[in-house]
Amino acid sequence: MANLPKRFERFLKEYPEIATAYEQLGDAIHKEGSLNERERALVKLALSAGARSEGATHAQVRKSLKLGLKKNEIRQIALLAIPTLGFPNAMAVMSWIDDILDQKKGK
């Protein structure tokens, strides 16, 4: 479980039954519908951005990179947010995306 936030790791340890149920719900949701894994990653990244959830955006960027999405594809989520969420919100999203992408430059 590399790169998990400390708060989430603690949650997993303190509430393993709930954590398992949460994981099962996520698995069931991902199996429903016709979106492939790559498309689901982009949608979840956009939802995280739209919800203005920095932590979720960080997590979704990490997952997107693991799936092989390119940096410009990930950054396009923030650009698409400009007319919908507004420029300041889109810049916050871009900042959260770059928090993770900039870490990957040295690796």
C-alpha atoms as a PDB file:
ATOM      1  CA  MET A   1       0.000   0.000   0.000  1.00  0.00           C
ATOM      2  CA  ALA A   2       2.597   2.543  -1.080  1.00  0.00           C
ATOM      3  CA  ASN A   3       1.751   6.233  -1.260  1.00  0.00           C
ATOM      4  CA  LEU A   4      -1.482   5.979   0.701  1.00  0.00           C
ATOM      5  CA  PRO A   5      -2.267   8.959   2.907  1.00  0.00           C
ATOM      6  CA  LYS A   6      -1.498   8.292   6.566  1.00  0.00           C
ATOM      7  CA  ARG A   7      -5.103   9.031   7.533  1.00  0.00           C
ATOM      8  CA  PHE A   8      -6.354   6.377   5.100  1.00  0.00           C
ATOM      9  CA  GLU A   9      -3.798   3.832   6.304  1.00  0.00           C
ATOM     10  CA  ARG A  10      -4.972   4.460   9.871  1.00  0.00           C
ATOM     11  CA  PHE A  11      -8.599   4.045   8.764  1.00  0.00           C
ATOM     12  CA  LEU A  12      -7.722   0.670   7.196  1.00  0.00           C
ATOM     13  CA  LYS A  13      -6.151  -0.509  10.461  1.00  0.00           C
ATOM     14  CA  GLU A  14      -8.839   0.843  12.784  1.00  0.00           C
ATOM     15  CA  TYR A  15     -11.870  -0.173  10.705  1.00  0.00           C
ATOM     16  CA  PRO A  16     -10.901  -3.184   8.592  1.00  0.00           C
ATOM     17  CA  GLU A  17     -14.481  -4.420   8.123  1.00  0.00           C
ATOM     18  CA  ILE A  18     -15.669  -1.044   6.854  1.00  0.00           C
ATOM     19  CA  ALA A  19     -12.571  -0.718   4.675  1.00  0.00           C
ATOM     20  CA  THR A  20     -13.294  -4.118   3.113  1.00  0.00           C
ATOM     21  CA  ALA A  21     -16.924  -3.162   2.458  1.00  0.00           C
ATOM     22  CA  TYR A  22     -15.782   0.125   0.902  1.00  0.00           C
ATOM     23  CA  GLU A  23     -13.352  -1.723  -1.362  1.00  0.00           C
ATOM     24  CA  GLN A  24     -16.055  -4.215  -2.372  1.00  0.00           C
ATOM     25  CA  LEU A  25     -18.424  -1.359  -3.230  1.00  0.00           C
ATOM     26  CA  GLY A  26     -15.742   0.225  -5.409  1.00  0.00           C
ATOM     27  CA  ASP A  27     -15.091  -3.095  -7.162  1.00  0.00           C
ATOM     28  CA  ALA A  28     -18.803  -3.611  -7.841  1.00  0.00           C
ATOM     29  CA  ILE A  29     -19.170  -0.091  -9.222  1.00  0.00           C
ATOM     30  CA  HIS A  30     -16.188  -0.523 -11.537  1.00  0.00           C
ATOM     31  CA  LYS A  31     -17.641  -3.753 -12.948  1.00  0.00           C
ATOM     32  CA  GLU A  32     -20.933  -2.039 -13.818  1.00  0.00           C
ATOM     33  CA  GLY A  33     -21.257  -0.295 -17.162  1.00  0.00           C
ATOM     34  CA  SER A  34     -19.197  -0.226 -20.309  1.00  0.00           C
ATOM     35  CA  LEU A  35     -16.424   2.258 -19.499  1.00  0.00           C
ATOM     36  CA  ASN A  36     -12.965   0.751 -19.634  1.00  0.00           C
ATOM     37  CA  GLU A  37     -10.395   1.246 -16.867  1.00  0.00           C
ATOM     38  CA  ARG A  38      -8.730   4.203 -18.601  1.00  0.00           C
ATOM     39  CA  GLU A  39     -12.032   5.995 -19.175  1.00  0.00           C
ATOM     40  CA  ARG A  40     -13.097   5.387 -15.579  1.00  0.00           C
ATOM     41  CA  ALA A  41      -9.803   6.869 -14.364  1.00  0.00           C
ATOM     42  CA  LEU A  42     -10.381  10.065 -16.344  1.00  0.00           C
ATOM     43  CA  VAL A  43     -13.964  10.345 -15.108  1.00  0.00           C
ATOM     44  CA  LYS A  44     -12.913   9.813 -11.494  1.00  0.00           C
ATOM     45  CA  LEU A  45     -10.159  12.403 -11.862  1.00  0.00           C
ATOM     46  CA  ALA A  46     -12.668  14.889 -13.263  1.00  0.00           C
ATOM     47  CA  LEU A  47     -15.145  14.127 -10.459  1.00  0.00           C
ATOM     48  CA  SER A  48     -12.424  14.647  -7.855  1.00  0.00           C
ATOM     49  CA  ALA A  49     -11.490  17.939  -9.453  1.00  0.00           C
ATOM     50  CA  GLY A  50     -15.104  19.075  -9.688  1.00  0.00           C
ATOM     51  CA  ALA A  51     -15.675  18.205  -6.050  1.00  0.00           C
ATOM     52  CA  ARG A  52     -12.602  20.311  -5.209  1.00  0.00           C
ATOM     53  CA  SER A  53     -11.082  17.424  -3.315  1.00  0.00           C
ATOM     54  CA  GLU A  54      -7.318  17.850  -3.274  1.00  0.00           C
ATOM     55  CA  GLY A  55      -6.626  14.455  -1.718  1.00  0.00           C
ATOM     56  CA  ALA A  56      -8.885  12.598  -4.134  1.00  0.00           C
ATOM     57  CA  THR A  57      -7.344  14.471  -7.065  1.00  0.00           C
ATOM     58  CA  HIS A  58      -3.863  13.462  -5.898  1.00  0.00           C
ATOM     59  CA  ALA A  59      -4.983   9.823  -5.598  1.00  0.00           C
ATOM     60  CA  GLN A  60      -6.624   9.821  -9.015  1.00  0.00           C
ATOM     61  CA  VAL A  61      -3.536  11.326 -10.672  1.00  0.00           C
ATOM     62  CA  ARG A  62      -1.422   8.535  -9.141  1.00  0.00           C
ATOM     63  CA  LYS A  63      -3.893   5.898 -10.365  1.00  0.00           C
ATOM     64  CA  SER A  64      -4.023   7.478 -13.817  1.00  0.00           C
ATOM     65  CA  LEU A  65      -0.241   7.390 -14.117  1.00  0.00           C
ATOM     66  CA  LYS A  66      -0.186   3.722 -13.087  1.00  0.00           C
ATOM     67  CA  LEU A  67      -2.668   3.026 -15.891  1.00  0.00           C
ATOM     68  CA  GLY A  68      -0.316   4.666 -18.371  1.00  0.00           C
ATOM     69  CA  LEU A  69      -2.168   7.918 -18.961  1.00  0.00           C
ATOM     70  CA  LYS A  70       0.105  10.643 -20.275  1.00  0.00           C
ATOM     71  CA  LYS A  71       0.774  13.838 -18.381  1.00  0.00           C
ATOM     72  CA  ASN A  72      -0.877  15.953 -21.075  1.00  0.00           C
ATOM     73  CA  GLU A  73      -4.023  13.787 -20.877  1.00  0.00           C
ATOM     74  CA  ILE A  74      -4.163  14.249 -17.118  1.00  0.00           C
ATOM     75  CA  ARG A  75      -3.534  17.999 -17.351  1.00  0.00           C
ATOM     76  CA  GLN A  76      -6.335  18.335 -19.904  1.00  0.00           C
ATOM     77  CA  ILE A  77      -8.784  17.654 -17.052  1.00  0.00           C
ATOM     78  CA  ALA A  78      -7.760  20.971 -15.471  1.00  0.00           C
ATOM     79  CA  LEU A  79      -8.000  22.776 -18.803  1.00  0.00           C
ATOM     80  CA  LEU A  80     -11.495  21.377 -19.382  1.00  0.00           C
ATOM     81  CA  ALA A  81     -12.447  22.676 -15.957  1.00  0.00           C
ATOM     82  CA  ILE A  82     -11.828  26.308 -16.932  1.00  0.00           C
ATOM     83  CA  PRO A  83     -15.230  27.009 -18.556  1.00  0.00           C
ATOM     84  CA  THR A  84     -17.151  24.757 -16.159  1.00  0.00           C
ATOM     85  CA  LEU A  85     -15.557  25.375 -12.748  1.00  0.00           C
ATOM     86  CA  GLY A  86     -14.004  28.754 -13.460  1.00  0.00           C
ATOM     87  CA  PHE A  87     -10.396  29.794 -13.958  1.00  0.00           C
ATOM     88  CA  PRO A  88      -9.392  30.017 -10.262  1.00  0.00           C
ATOM     89  CA  ASN A  89     -10.805  26.554  -9.510  1.00  0.00           C
ATOM     90  CA  ALA A  90      -9.174  25.103 -12.603  1.00  0.00           C
ATOM     91  CA  MET A  91      -5.816  26.550 -11.505  1.00  0.00           C
ATOM     92  CA  ALA A  92      -6.260  24.896  -8.106  1.00  0.00           C
ATOM     93  CA  VAL A  93      -6.912  21.594  -9.888  1.00  0.00           C
ATOM     94  CA  MET A  94      -3.836  22.122 -12.086  1.00  0.00           C
ATOM     95  CA  SER A  95      -1.802  22.755  -8.950  1.00  0.00           C
ATOM     96  CA  TRP A  96      -3.016  19.508  -7.365  1.00  0.00           C
ATOM     97  CA  ILE A  97      -2.267  17.582 -10.562  1.00  0.00           C
ATOM     98  CA  ASP A  98       1.217  19.088 -10.725  1.00  0.00           C
ATOM     99  CA  ASP A  99       1.827  18.198  -7.060  1.00  0.00           C
ATOM    100  CA  ILE A 100       1.968  14.576  -8.228  1.00  0.00           C
ATOM    101  CA  LEU A 101       3.309  14.993 -11.761  1.00  0.00           C
ATOM    102  CA  ASP A 102       6.232  17.090 -10.512  1.00  0.00           C
ATOM    103  CA  GLN A 103       7.141  14.320  -8.032  1.00  0.00           C
ATOM    104  CA  LYS A 104       7.390  11.890 -10.960  1.00  0.00           C
ATOM    105  CA  LYS A 105       9.914  14.032 -12.858  1.00  0.00           C
ATOM    106  CA  GLY A 106      12.812  12.759 -10.787  1.00  0.00           C
ATOM    107  CA  LYS A 107      11.704   9.152 -10.939  1.00  0.00           C
END
